[in-house]
C-alpha atoms as a PDB file:
ATOM      1  CA  MET A   1     -16.668  26.767   8.977  1.00  0.00           C
ATOM      2  CA  GLU A   2     -19.867  24.907   9.260  1.00  0.00           C
ATOM      3  CA  PHE A   3     -18.590  21.552   7.278  1.00  0.00           C
ATOM      4  CA  LEU A   4     -16.108  21.240  10.078  1.00  0.00           C
ATOM      5  CA  GLN A   5     -18.868  20.385  12.840  1.00  0.00           C
ATOM      6  CA  THR A   6     -20.520  17.626  11.023  1.00  0.00           C
ATOM      7  CA  PRO A   7     -17.993  14.549  10.301  1.00  0.00           C
ATOM      8  CA  PRO A   8     -18.822  13.002   6.833  1.00  0.00           C
ATOM      9  CA  ASP A   9     -20.323   9.597   6.538  1.00  0.00           C
ATOM     10  CA  PRO A  10     -17.243   7.151   5.966  1.00  0.00           C
ATOM     11  CA  ASP A  11     -19.429   4.700   3.938  1.00  0.00           C
ATOM     12  CA  ALA A  12     -18.318   6.022   0.474  1.00  0.00           C
ATOM     13  CA  TYR A  13     -14.846   6.099   1.654  1.00  0.00           C
ATOM     14  CA  ILE A  14     -14.675   2.957   2.856  1.00  0.00           C
ATOM     15  CA  VAL A  15     -16.291   1.347  -0.436  1.00  0.00           C
ATOM     16  CA  LEU A  16     -13.465   3.247  -2.268  1.00  0.00           C
ATOM     17  CA  ALA A  17     -10.952   1.624   0.047  1.00  0.00           C
ATOM     18  CA  VAL A  18     -12.321  -1.653  -0.377  1.00  0.00           C
ATOM     19  CA  PHE A  19     -12.139  -1.415  -4.128  1.00  0.00           C
ATOM     20  CA  LEU A  20      -8.828  -0.321  -4.168  1.00  0.00           C
ATOM     21  CA  PHE A  21      -7.513  -2.904  -2.001  1.00  0.00           C
ATOM     22  CA  SER A  22      -9.143  -5.687  -4.085  1.00  0.00           C
ATOM     23  CA  ILE A  23      -7.353  -4.257  -7.174  1.00  0.00           C
ATOM     24  CA  GLY A  24      -4.316  -4.353  -5.312  1.00  0.00           C
ATOM     25  CA  ALA A  25      -4.733  -8.004  -4.110  1.00  0.00           C
ATOM     26  CA  VAL A  26      -5.933  -9.075  -7.657  1.00  0.00           C
ATOM     27  CA  GLY A  27      -2.823  -7.529  -8.804  1.00  0.00           C
ATOM     28  CA  PHE A  28      -0.343  -8.682  -6.524  1.00  0.00           C
ATOM     29  CA  LEU A  29      -1.937 -12.402  -7.116  1.00  0.00           C
ATOM     30  CA  VAL A  30      -1.783 -12.204 -10.738  1.00  0.00           C
ATOM     31  CA  ARG A  31       1.092 -10.174 -11.875  1.00  0.00           C
ATOM     32  CA  ARG A  32       4.596 -11.681 -11.797  1.00  0.00           C
ATOM     33  CA  ASN A  33       6.520  -8.724 -12.340  1.00  0.00           C
ATOM     34  CA  ALA A  34       8.258  -7.615  -8.945  1.00  0.00           C
ATOM     35  CA  ILE A  35       7.799  -3.755  -9.618  1.00  0.00           C
ATOM     36  CA  VAL A  36       3.983  -4.288 -10.200  1.00  0.00           C
ATOM     37  CA  MET A  37       3.873  -6.416  -7.159  1.00  0.00           C
ATOM     38  CA  PHE A  38       5.396  -3.436  -5.073  1.00  0.00           C
ATOM     39  CA  MET A  39       2.824  -1.238  -6.753  1.00  0.00           C
ATOM     40  CA  CYS A  40       0.072  -3.353  -5.722  1.00  0.00           C
ATOM     41  CA  ILE A  41       1.270  -3.569  -2.327  1.00  0.00           C
ATOM     42  CA  GLU A  42       1.520   0.246  -2.053  1.00  0.00           C
ATOM     43  CA  LEU A  43      -2.128   0.610  -3.499  1.00  0.00           C
ATOM     44  CA  MET A  44      -3.320  -1.855  -0.781  1.00  0.00           C
ATOM     45  CA  LEU A  45      -1.547   0.163   2.057  1.00  0.00           C
ATOM     46  CA  ASN A  46      -3.068   3.473   0.627  1.00  0.00           C
ATOM     47  CA  ALA A  47      -6.808   1.859   0.600  1.00  0.00           C
ATOM     48  CA  VAL A  48      -5.873   1.141   4.526  1.00  0.00           C
ATOM     49  CA  ASN A  49      -4.849   4.603   4.874  1.00  0.00           C
ATOM     50  CA  LEU A  50      -7.775   5.892   3.252  1.00  0.00           C
ATOM     51  CA  SER A  51      -9.916   3.806   5.737  1.00  0.00           C
ATOM     52  CA  LEU A  52      -8.301   4.945   8.658  1.00  0.00           C
ATOM     53  CA  VAL A  53      -8.273   8.667   7.874  1.00  0.00           C
ATOM     54  CA  SER A  54     -12.086   8.517   6.946  1.00  0.00           C
ATOM     55  CA  PHE A  55     -13.013   6.601  10.347  1.00  0.00           C
ATOM     56  CA  GLY A  56     -10.733   8.958  12.296  1.00  0.00           C
ATOM     57  CA  ARG A  57     -12.567  11.710  10.624  1.00  0.00           C
ATOM     58  CA  ALA A  58     -15.648  10.305  11.223  1.00  0.00           C
ATOM     59  CA  LEU A  59     -15.107   9.599  15.214  1.00  0.00           C
ATOM     60  CA  SER A  60     -13.309  13.223  15.431  1.00  0.00           C
ATOM     61  CA  ASP A  61     -10.135  11.236  16.514  1.00  0.00           C
ATOM     62  CA  LEU A  62      -6.504  12.134  15.283  1.00  0.00           C
ATOM     63  CA  SER A  63      -5.624   8.301  15.913  1.00  0.00           C
ATOM     64  CA  GLY A  64      -6.158   7.521  12.478  1.00  0.00           C
ATOM     65  CA  GLN A  65      -3.963  10.038  11.127  1.00  0.00           C
ATOM     66  CA  ILE A  66      -1.069   9.089  13.386  1.00  0.00           C
ATOM     67  CA  LEU A  67      -1.341   5.600  12.332  1.00  0.00           C
ATOM     68  CA  VAL A  68      -1.254   6.702   8.571  1.00  0.00           C
ATOM     69  CA  PHE A  69       1.878   8.597   9.280  1.00  0.00           C
ATOM     70  CA  PHE A  70       3.387   5.124  10.607  1.00  0.00           C
ATOM     71  CA  VAL A  71       2.255   3.117   7.760  1.00  0.00           C
ATOM     72  CA  LEU A  72       3.742   5.568   5.478  1.00  0.00           C
ATOM     73  CA  VAL A  73       7.081   5.396   6.977  1.00  0.00           C
ATOM     74  CA  VAL A  74       6.781   1.553   6.951  1.00  0.00           C
ATOM     75  CA  ALA A  75       5.789   1.685   3.358  1.00  0.00           C
ATOM     76  CA  ALA A  76       8.801   3.934   2.556  1.00  0.00           C
ATOM     77  CA  ALA A  77      11.147   1.325   4.544  1.00  0.00           C
ATOM     78  CA  GLU A  78       9.681  -1.680   2.645  1.00  0.00           C
ATOM     79  CA  VAL A  79      10.151   0.227  -0.860  1.00  0.00           C
ATOM     80  CA  MET A  80      13.636   0.669  -0.310  1.00  0.00           C
ATOM     81  CA  VAL A  81      14.392  -2.989   0.729  1.00  0.00           C
ATOM     82  CA  GLY A  82      12.225  -4.066  -2.159  1.00  0.00           C
ATOM     83  CA  LEU A  83      14.198  -1.942  -4.623  1.00  0.00           C
ATOM     84  CA  ALA A  84      17.710  -3.208  -3.257  1.00  0.00           C
ATOM     85  CA  ILE A  85      16.420  -6.779  -3.938  1.00  0.00           C
ATOM     86  CA  LEU A  86      15.197  -5.945  -7.164  1.00  0.00           C
ATOM     87  CA  VAL A  87      18.684  -4.490  -8.109  1.00  0.00           C
ATOM     88  CA  ALA A  88      20.290  -7.678  -6.806  1.00  0.00           C
ATOM     89  CA  ILE A  89      18.166  -9.609  -9.080  1.00  0.00           C
ATOM     90  CA  PHE A  90      18.633  -7.317 -11.944  1.00  0.00           C
ATOM     91  CA  ARG A  91      22.371  -7.590 -11.800  1.00  0.00           C
ATOM     92  CA  ARG A  92      22.341 -11.337 -11.938  1.00  0.00           C
ATOM     93  CA  ARG A  93      19.414 -11.677 -14.739  1.00  0.00           C
ATOM     94  CA  ALA A  94      18.264  -9.014 -17.466  1.00  0.00           C
ATOM     95  CA  ARG A  95      14.712  -9.376 -15.930  1.00  0.00           C
ATOM     96  CA  ALA A  96      13.220  -8.550 -12.506  1.00  0.00           C
ATOM     97  CA  SER A  97      10.395 -11.559 -12.031  1.00  0.00           C
ATOM     98  CA  ALA A  98       9.166 -12.905  -8.847  1.00  0.00           C
ATOM     99  CA  ASP A  99      10.398 -16.327 -10.156  1.00  0.00           C
ATOM    100  CA  ASP A 100      13.943 -15.083 -10.132  1.00  0.00           C
ATOM    101  CA  MET A 101      13.927 -14.616  -6.501  1.00  0.00           C
ATOM    102  CA  SER A 102      15.494 -18.235  -6.040  1.00  0.00           C
ATOM    103  CA  SER A 103      18.538 -16.921  -7.666  1.00  0.00           C
ATOM    104  CA  LEU A 104      19.502 -14.974  -4.455  1.00  0.00           C
ATOM    105  CA  LYS A 105      19.960 -18.031  -2.489  1.00  0.00           C
ATOM    106  CA  GLY A 106      23.417 -18.422  -0.851  1.00  0.00           C
END
């Protein structure tokens, strides 16, 4: 149980979180497929979760894990609403691109 007494250095986890967030941000800005855009948003949210957990572990505080729980709940709700919008678009057209969002007006 000696490994529980010294919290790890969060530097490596933060570098990984920045790398994952960057991949998600570039993917969101470059790709036009709505499903890929949702996957990139999820990747960015998981990068934030990784940084929250690593900082919480380094500071020996449970606030990071509690915030991760709420972020996961919000992400699940976002996925459900996003998939409902994608189904509505896919019913009108045979493809689900971000450019087809204007077809949902009125």
